[in-house]
Amino acid sequence: MARRTREEALATRQQILDAAEICLYERGLSRTSMADIAQAANISRGAVYWHFENKDQVFQALLENRSLLLADLEATTRDPDTQDPLGHIHLLLTRLFQLSARDTQFRRLNEILLFRCEYTDADCSLGQFLPAAVRECHGIIAQALANAVDKGQLPTTLDLPTAARTLHACVSGLIREWLLLPDGYDLHQEAERLASSCLDMLRLSPALRLTP
């Protein structure tokens, strides 16, 4: 009975997240309430609050689910036993672009994050969560790049913090621009080439080297 109850709770939680994704995509963060999410999920508000304190927590859970899609591949880029970390970084970036282009849920969450996430509520905690998440992402990227440096795949003089910020901004900007102009080119088809261009920047740009 306990197992069944746990499975039911997990199913309800996922039902809430599925409904929240649609609500946030259609209305944006500031215009979506917990009542809206409950109605879309066809459950009581009490059931929603049992799982999440507020809609910020709901959105954070959605972003965590998004990250899980690439978690294993991302971990491989930082594994010191990985013999080709730069190759895995290339694969990770390629997969990220492909998911953004072809995976409906992944694309929808990107659009929510980039275009429908307003910090207008007085009690909004995302103003603290998202900058912290970006800083964490910069640290993860720097570790992966350091692994590639250790394997002789990137210059030993690479400025890791600057390179990590630049790579993150480049990838985020490419996805954001494509979401604004999806008819401009086939992101899925160009994914590998774009990933290569990002890594070429790290290998070849003098501006990303440590100054003497």
C-alpha atoms as a PDB file:
ATOM      1  CA  MET A   1       0.000   0.000   0.000  1.00  0.00           C
ATOM      2  CA  ALA A   2       2.859   2.401   0.855  1.00  0.00           C
ATOM      3  CA  ARG A   3       4.482   1.784  -2.521  1.00  0.00           C
ATOM      4  CA  ARG A   4       1.213   2.424  -4.316  1.00  0.00           C
ATOM      5  CA  THR A   5       0.731   5.663  -2.362  1.00  0.00           C
ATOM      6  CA  ARG A   6       4.242   6.798  -3.293  1.00  0.00           C
ATOM      7  CA  GLU A   7       3.650   5.952  -6.952  1.00  0.00           C
ATOM      8  CA  GLU A   8       0.371   7.857  -6.874  1.00  0.00           C
ATOM      9  CA  ALA A   9       2.112  10.869  -5.309  1.00  0.00           C
ATOM     10  CA  LEU A  10       4.781  10.819  -8.002  1.00  0.00           C
ATOM     11  CA  ALA A  11       2.119  10.543 -10.680  1.00  0.00           C
ATOM     12  CA  THR A  12       0.253  13.515  -9.205  1.00  0.00           C
ATOM     13  CA  ARG A  13       3.459  15.535  -9.042  1.00  0.00           C
ATOM     14  CA  GLN A  14       4.153  14.855 -12.700  1.00  0.00           C
ATOM     15  CA  GLN A  15       0.558  15.737 -13.548  1.00  0.00           C
ATOM     16  CA  ILE A  16       1.078  19.097 -11.839  1.00  0.00           C
ATOM     17  CA  LEU A  17       4.319  19.715 -13.723  1.00  0.00           C
ATOM     18  CA  ASP A  18       2.760  18.825 -17.064  1.00  0.00           C
ATOM     19  CA  ALA A  19      -0.109  21.226 -16.430  1.00  0.00           C
ATOM     20  CA  ALA A  20       2.221  23.957 -15.167  1.00  0.00           C
ATOM     21  CA  GLU A  21       4.355  23.712 -18.286  1.00  0.00           C
ATOM     22  CA  ILE A  22       1.359  24.457 -20.482  1.00  0.00           C
ATOM     23  CA  CYS A  23       0.118  27.267 -18.229  1.00  0.00           C
ATOM     24  CA  LEU A  24       3.491  28.971 -18.029  1.00  0.00           C
ATOM     25  CA  TYR A  25       4.005  28.643 -21.761  1.00  0.00           C
ATOM     26  CA  GLU A  26       0.598  30.109 -22.596  1.00  0.00           C
ATOM     27  CA  ARG A  27       0.372  32.812 -19.905  1.00  0.00           C
ATOM     28  CA  GLY A  28       3.879  33.476 -18.618  1.00  0.00           C
ATOM     29  CA  LEU A  29       5.102  33.280 -15.057  1.00  0.00           C
ATOM     30  CA  SER A  30       3.533  36.441 -13.653  1.00  0.00           C
ATOM     31  CA  ARG A  31       0.051  35.708 -15.053  1.00  0.00           C
ATOM     32  CA  THR A  32      -0.059  32.081 -13.901  1.00  0.00           C
ATOM     33  CA  SER A  33      -1.369  31.247 -10.440  1.00  0.00           C
ATOM     34  CA  MET A  34      -1.355  28.070  -8.420  1.00  0.00           C
ATOM     35  CA  ALA A  35      -5.121  27.977  -8.946  1.00  0.00           C
ATOM     36  CA  ASP A  36      -4.561  28.019 -12.712  1.00  0.00           C
ATOM     37  CA  ILE A  37      -2.160  25.105 -12.413  1.00  0.00           C
ATOM     38  CA  ALA A  38      -4.580  23.149 -10.234  1.00  0.00           C
ATOM     39  CA  GLN A  39      -7.412  23.719 -12.684  1.00  0.00           C
ATOM     40  CA  ALA A  40      -5.279  22.676 -15.656  1.00  0.00           C
ATOM     41  CA  ALA A  41      -4.162  19.556 -13.790  1.00  0.00           C
ATOM     42  CA  ASN A  42      -7.762  18.823 -12.768  1.00  0.00           C
ATOM     43  CA  ILE A  43      -6.831  18.477  -9.101  1.00  0.00           C
ATOM     44  CA  SER A  44      -7.446  20.536  -5.969  1.00  0.00           C
ATOM     45  CA  ARG A  45      -5.273  23.484  -5.005  1.00  0.00           C
ATOM     46  CA  GLY A  46      -4.516  21.663  -1.767  1.00  0.00           C
ATOM     47  CA  ALA A  47      -2.972  18.822  -3.747  1.00  0.00           C
ATOM     48  CA  VAL A  48      -0.780  21.286  -5.633  1.00  0.00           C
ATOM     49  CA  TYR A  49       0.360  22.963  -2.406  1.00  0.00           C
ATOM     50  CA  TRP A  50       1.111  19.571  -0.884  1.00  0.00           C
ATOM     51  CA  HIS A  51       3.806  19.108  -3.528  1.00  0.00           C
ATOM     52  CA  PHE A  52       4.945  22.721  -4.059  1.00  0.00           C
ATOM     53  CA  GLU A  53       4.897  25.805  -1.851  1.00  0.00           C
ATOM     54  CA  ASN A  54       4.514  28.227  -4.762  1.00  0.00           C
ATOM     55  CA  LYS A  55       4.777  28.483  -8.526  1.00  0.00           C
ATOM     56  CA  ASP A  56       8.475  29.362  -8.319  1.00  0.00           C
ATOM     57  CA  GLN A  57       9.101  25.908  -6.880  1.00  0.00           C
ATOM     58  CA  VAL A  58       7.019  24.413  -9.680  1.00  0.00           C
ATOM     59  CA  PHE A  59       9.113  26.191 -12.296  1.00  0.00           C
ATOM     60  CA  GLN A  60      12.350  25.198 -10.604  1.00  0.00           C
ATOM     61  CA  ALA A  61      11.218  21.569 -10.726  1.00  0.00           C
ATOM     62  CA  LEU A  62      10.519  21.940 -14.444  1.00  0.00           C
ATOM     63  CA  LEU A  63      14.016  23.301 -15.006  1.00  0.00           C
ATOM     64  CA  GLU A  64      15.524  20.447 -12.997  1.00  0.00           C
ATOM     65  CA  ASN A  65      13.671  17.947 -15.179  1.00  0.00           C
ATOM     66  CA  ARG A  66      15.056  19.764 -18.234  1.00  0.00           C
ATOM     67  CA  SER A  67      18.588  19.439 -16.886  1.00  0.00           C
ATOM     68  CA  LEU A  68      18.169  15.708 -16.308  1.00  0.00           C
ATOM     69  CA  LEU A  69      17.903  15.147 -20.062  1.00  0.00           C
ATOM     70  CA  LEU A  70      21.582  16.024 -20.425  1.00  0.00           C
ATOM     71  CA  ALA A  71      22.875  15.199 -16.942  1.00  0.00           C
ATOM     72  CA  ASP A  72      24.686  11.943 -17.792  1.00  0.00           C
ATOM     73  CA  LEU A  73      26.392  13.420 -20.835  1.00  0.00           C
ATOM     74  CA  GLU A  74      27.339  16.564 -18.931  1.00  0.00           C
ATOM     75  CA  ALA A  75      28.875  14.523 -16.101  1.00  0.00           C
ATOM     76  CA  THR A  76      31.026  12.660 -18.634  1.00  0.00           C
ATOM     77  CA  THR A  77      32.642  15.906 -19.795  1.00  0.00           C
ATOM     78  CA  ARG A  78      34.025  16.460 -16.266  1.00  0.00           C
ATOM     79  CA  ASP A  79      35.037  12.875 -15.541  1.00  0.00           C
ATOM     80  CA  PRO A  80      38.859  12.792 -15.256  1.00  0.00           C
ATOM     81  CA  ASP A  81      38.813   9.257 -16.678  1.00  0.00           C
ATOM     82  CA  THR A  82      37.226  10.500 -19.909  1.00  0.00           C
ATOM     83  CA  GLN A  83      39.860  10.354 -22.641  1.00  0.00           C
ATOM     84  CA  ASP A  84      38.044  12.713 -25.017  1.00  0.00           C
ATOM     85  CA  PRO A  85      36.331  15.392 -22.902  1.00  0.00           C
ATOM     86  CA  LEU A  86      36.262  17.904 -25.772  1.00  0.00           C
ATOM     87  CA  GLY A  87      34.514  15.342 -27.957  1.00  0.00           C
ATOM     88  CA  HIS A  88      31.915  14.853 -25.251  1.00  0.00           C
ATOM     89  CA  ILE A  89      31.493  18.624 -24.894  1.00  0.00           C
ATOM     90  CA  HIS A  90      30.881  18.753 -28.645  1.00  0.00           C
ATOM     91  CA  LEU A  91      28.321  15.955 -28.312  1.00  0.00           C
ATOM     92  CA  LEU A  92      26.662  17.741 -25.392  1.00  0.00           C
ATOM     93  CA  LEU A  93      26.322  21.013 -27.311  1.00  0.00           C
ATOM     94  CA  THR A  94      25.049  19.175 -30.379  1.00  0.00           C
ATOM     95  CA  ARG A  95      22.447  17.362 -28.305  1.00  0.00           C
ATOM     96  CA  LEU A  96      21.428  20.625 -26.632  1.00  0.00           C
ATOM     97  CA  PHE A  97      20.799  22.297 -29.994  1.00  0.00           C
ATOM     98  CA  GLN A  98      18.950  19.242 -31.313  1.00  0.00           C
ATOM     99  CA  LEU A  99      16.681  19.028 -28.272  1.00  0.00           C
ATOM    100  CA  SER A 100      15.928  22.735 -28.565  1.00  0.00           C
ATOM    101  CA  ALA A 101      14.893  22.206 -32.185  1.00  0.00           C
ATOM    102  CA  ARG A 102      12.985  18.931 -32.081  1.00  0.00           C
ATOM    103  CA  ASP A 103      11.914  18.091 -28.509  1.00  0.00           C
ATOM    104  CA  THR A 104       8.616  19.894 -27.898  1.00  0.00           C
ATOM    105  CA  GLN A 105       8.888  19.956 -24.111  1.00  0.00           C
ATOM    106  CA  PHE A 106      12.517  21.057 -24.097  1.00  0.00           C
ATOM    107  CA  ARG A 107      11.790  23.832 -26.569  1.00  0.00           C
ATOM    108  CA  ARG A 108       8.749  24.969 -24.600  1.00  0.00           C
ATOM    109  CA  LEU A 109      10.755  25.184 -21.373  1.00  0.00           C
ATOM    110  CA  ASN A 110      13.436  27.204 -23.136  1.00  0.00           C
ATOM    111  CA  GLU A 111      10.808  29.634 -24.360  1.00  0.00           C
ATOM    112  CA  ILE A 112       9.362  29.961 -20.857  1.00  0.00           C
ATOM    113  CA  LEU A 113      12.806  30.591 -19.394  1.00  0.00           C
ATOM    114  CA  LEU A 114      13.896  33.091 -22.045  1.00  0.00           C
ATOM    115  CA  PHE A 115      10.670  34.922 -22.896  1.00  0.00           C
ATOM    116  CA  ARG A 116       7.952  34.247 -20.313  1.00  0.00           C
ATOM    117  CA  CYS A 117       9.784  34.454 -17.005  1.00  0.00           C
ATOM    118  CA  GLU A 118       9.009  37.853 -15.469  1.00  0.00           C
ATOM    119  CA  TYR A 119      10.133  38.880 -11.982  1.00  0.00           C
ATOM    120  CA  THR A 120       7.072  40.945 -11.065  1.00  0.00           C
ATOM    121  CA  ASP A 121       5.740  39.152  -7.990  1.00  0.00           C
ATOM    122  CA  ALA A 122       6.816  40.526  -4.624  1.00  0.00           C
ATOM    123  CA  ASP A 123       7.554  37.047  -3.304  1.00  0.00           C
ATOM    124  CA  CYS A 124       9.308  35.796  -6.452  1.00  0.00           C
ATOM    125  CA  SER A 125      12.354  33.726  -5.489  1.00  0.00           C
ATOM    126  CA  LEU A 126      13.498  33.124  -9.065  1.00  0.00           C
ATOM    127  CA  GLY A 127      15.411  36.385  -8.917  1.00  0.00           C
ATOM    128  CA  GLN A 128      17.813  34.559  -6.614  1.00  0.00           C
ATOM    129  CA  PHE A 129      17.492  31.040  -8.032  1.00  0.00           C
ATOM    130  CA  LEU A 130      18.239  31.773 -11.682  1.00  0.00           C
ATOM    131  CA  PRO A 131      21.445  33.824 -11.161  1.00  0.00           C
ATOM    132  CA  ALA A 132      22.688  31.109  -8.809  1.00  0.00           C
ATOM    133  CA  ALA A 133      21.873  28.479 -11.433  1.00  0.00           C
ATOM    134  CA  VAL A 134      23.809  30.425 -14.078  1.00  0.00           C
ATOM    135  CA  ARG A 135      26.831  30.748 -11.786  1.00  0.00           C
ATOM    136  CA  GLU A 136      26.683  27.016 -11.109  1.00  0.00           C
ATOM    137  CA  CYS A 137      26.509  26.364 -14.845  1.00  0.00           C
ATOM    138  CA  HIS A 138      29.598  28.520 -15.407  1.00  0.00           C
ATOM    139  CA  GLY A 139      31.435  26.447 -12.812  1.00  0.00           C
ATOM    140  CA  ILE A 140      30.401  23.171 -14.424  1.00  0.00           C
ATOM    141  CA  ILE A 141      31.522  24.396 -17.861  1.00  0.00           C
ATOM    142  CA  ALA A 142      34.863  25.554 -16.444  1.00  0.00           C
ATOM    143  CA  GLN A 143      35.445  22.097 -14.945  1.00  0.00           C
ATOM    144  CA  ALA A 144      34.719  20.448 -18.299  1.00  0.00           C
ATOM    145  CA  LEU A 145      37.064  22.832 -20.096  1.00  0.00           C
ATOM    146  CA  ALA A 146      39.762  22.232 -17.494  1.00  0.00           C
ATOM    147  CA  ASN A 147      39.408  18.520 -18.162  1.00  0.00           C
ATOM    148  CA  ALA A 148      39.956  19.169 -21.874  1.00  0.00           C
ATOM    149  CA  VAL A 149      43.011  21.313 -21.056  1.00  0.00           C
ATOM    150  CA  ASP A 150      44.431  18.498 -18.930  1.00  0.00           C
ATOM    151  CA  LYS A 151      44.007  16.102 -21.870  1.00  0.00           C
ATOM    152  CA  GLY A 152      45.840  18.486 -24.211  1.00  0.00           C
ATOM    153  CA  GLN A 153      42.715  19.291 -26.236  1.00  0.00           C
ATOM    154  CA  LEU A 154      42.590  23.005 -25.366  1.00  0.00           C
ATOM    155  CA  PRO A 155      45.416  25.521 -24.806  1.00  0.00           C
ATOM    156  CA  THR A 156      47.023  25.492 -21.373  1.00  0.00           C
ATOM    157  CA  THR A 157      46.716  29.297 -21.348  1.00  0.00           C
ATOM    158  CA  LEU A 158      42.917  29.213 -21.734  1.00  0.00           C
ATOM    159  CA  ASP A 159      41.251  31.641 -19.298  1.00  0.00           C
ATOM    160  CA  LEU A 160      38.770  29.129 -17.882  1.00  0.00           C
ATOM    161  CA  PRO A 161      36.294  31.495 -16.146  1.00  0.00           C
ATOM    162  CA  THR A 162      36.119  33.813 -19.169  1.00  0.00           C
ATOM    163  CA  ALA A 163      35.899  30.895 -21.597  1.00  0.00           C
ATOM    164  CA  ALA A 164      33.099  29.304 -19.570  1.00  0.00           C
ATOM    165  CA  ARG A 165      31.058  32.521 -19.502  1.00  0.00           C
ATOM    166  CA  THR A 166      31.656  33.124 -23.202  1.00  0.00           C
ATOM    167  CA  LEU A 167      30.658  29.589 -24.204  1.00  0.00           C
ATOM    168  CA  HIS A 168      27.517  29.738 -22.076  1.00  0.00           C
ATOM    169  CA  ALA A 169      26.522  33.106 -23.541  1.00  0.00           C
ATOM    170  CA  CYS A 170      27.230  31.926 -27.091  1.00  0.00           C
ATOM    171  CA  VAL A 171      25.126  28.771 -26.768  1.00  0.00           C
ATOM    172  CA  SER A 172      22.282  30.547 -24.951  1.00  0.00           C
ATOM    173  CA  GLY A 173      22.317  33.326 -27.530  1.00  0.00           C
ATOM    174  CA  LEU A 174      22.158  30.912 -30.456  1.00  0.00           C
ATOM    175  CA  ILE A 175      19.163  29.136 -28.944  1.00  0.00           C
ATOM    176  CA  ARG A 176      17.427  32.400 -28.068  1.00  0.00           C
ATOM    177  CA  GLU A 177      17.943  33.811 -31.564  1.00  0.00           C
ATOM    178  CA  TRP A 178      16.669  30.621 -33.193  1.00  0.00           C
ATOM    179  CA  LEU A 179      13.564  30.612 -31.002  1.00  0.00           C
ATOM    180  CA  LEU A 180      12.858  34.150 -32.210  1.00  0.00           C
ATOM    181  CA  LEU A 181      13.524  33.223 -35.864  1.00  0.00           C
ATOM    182  CA  PRO A 182      12.884  29.471 -36.196  1.00  0.00           C
ATOM    183  CA  ASP A 183      12.412  29.767 -39.955  1.00  0.00           C
ATOM    184  CA  GLY A 184      15.858  31.297 -40.389  1.00  0.00           C
ATOM    185  CA  TYR A 185      17.645  27.947 -40.573  1.00  0.00           C
ATOM    186  CA  ASP A 186      17.355  24.319 -39.503  1.00  0.00           C
ATOM    187  CA  LEU A 187      18.856  24.250 -36.001  1.00  0.00           C
ATOM    188  CA  HIS A 188      18.700  20.459 -35.839  1.00  0.00           C
ATOM    189  CA  GLN A 189      20.591  20.082 -39.098  1.00  0.00           C
ATOM    190  CA  GLU A 190      23.150  22.736 -38.169  1.00  0.00           C
ATOM    191  CA  ALA A 191      23.646  21.481 -34.589  1.00  0.00           C
ATOM    192  CA  GLU A 192      27.013  19.778 -35.101  1.00  0.00           C
ATOM    193  CA  ARG A 193      28.417  22.686 -37.103  1.00  0.00           C
ATOM    194  CA  LEU A 194      27.344  25.214 -34.474  1.00  0.00           C
ATOM    195  CA  ALA A 195      28.864  23.090 -31.728  1.00  0.00           C
ATOM    196  CA  SER A 196      32.126  22.967 -33.691  1.00  0.00           C
ATOM    197  CA  SER A 197      32.139  26.738 -34.146  1.00  0.00           C
ATOM    198  CA  CYS A 198      31.758  27.251 -30.391  1.00  0.00           C
ATOM    199  CA  LEU A 199      34.698  24.957 -29.644  1.00  0.00           C
ATOM    200  CA  ASP A 200      36.821  26.531 -32.412  1.00  0.00           C
ATOM    201  CA  MET A 201      36.356  29.827 -30.587  1.00  0.00           C
ATOM    202  CA  LEU A 202      37.840  28.286 -27.428  1.00  0.00           C
ATOM    203  CA  ARG A 203      40.758  26.750 -29.290  1.00  0.00           C
ATOM    204  CA  LEU A 204      41.675  29.704 -31.486  1.00  0.00           C
ATOM    205  CA  SER A 205      40.628  33.010 -29.901  1.00  0.00           C
ATOM    206  CA  PRO A 206      43.578  35.002 -28.460  1.00  0.00           C
ATOM    207  CA  ALA A 207      41.084  37.005 -26.392  1.00  0.00           C
ATOM    208  CA  LEU A 208      40.332  33.890 -24.333  1.00  0.00           C
ATOM    209  CA  ARG A 209      43.971  33.411 -23.273  1.00  0.00           C
ATOM    210  CA  LEU A 210      45.418  34.343 -19.900  1.00  0.00           C
ATOM    211  CA  THR A 211      47.424  37.543 -20.054  1.00  0.00           C
ATOM    212  CA  PRO A 212      51.059  37.354 -18.902  1.00  0.00           C
END
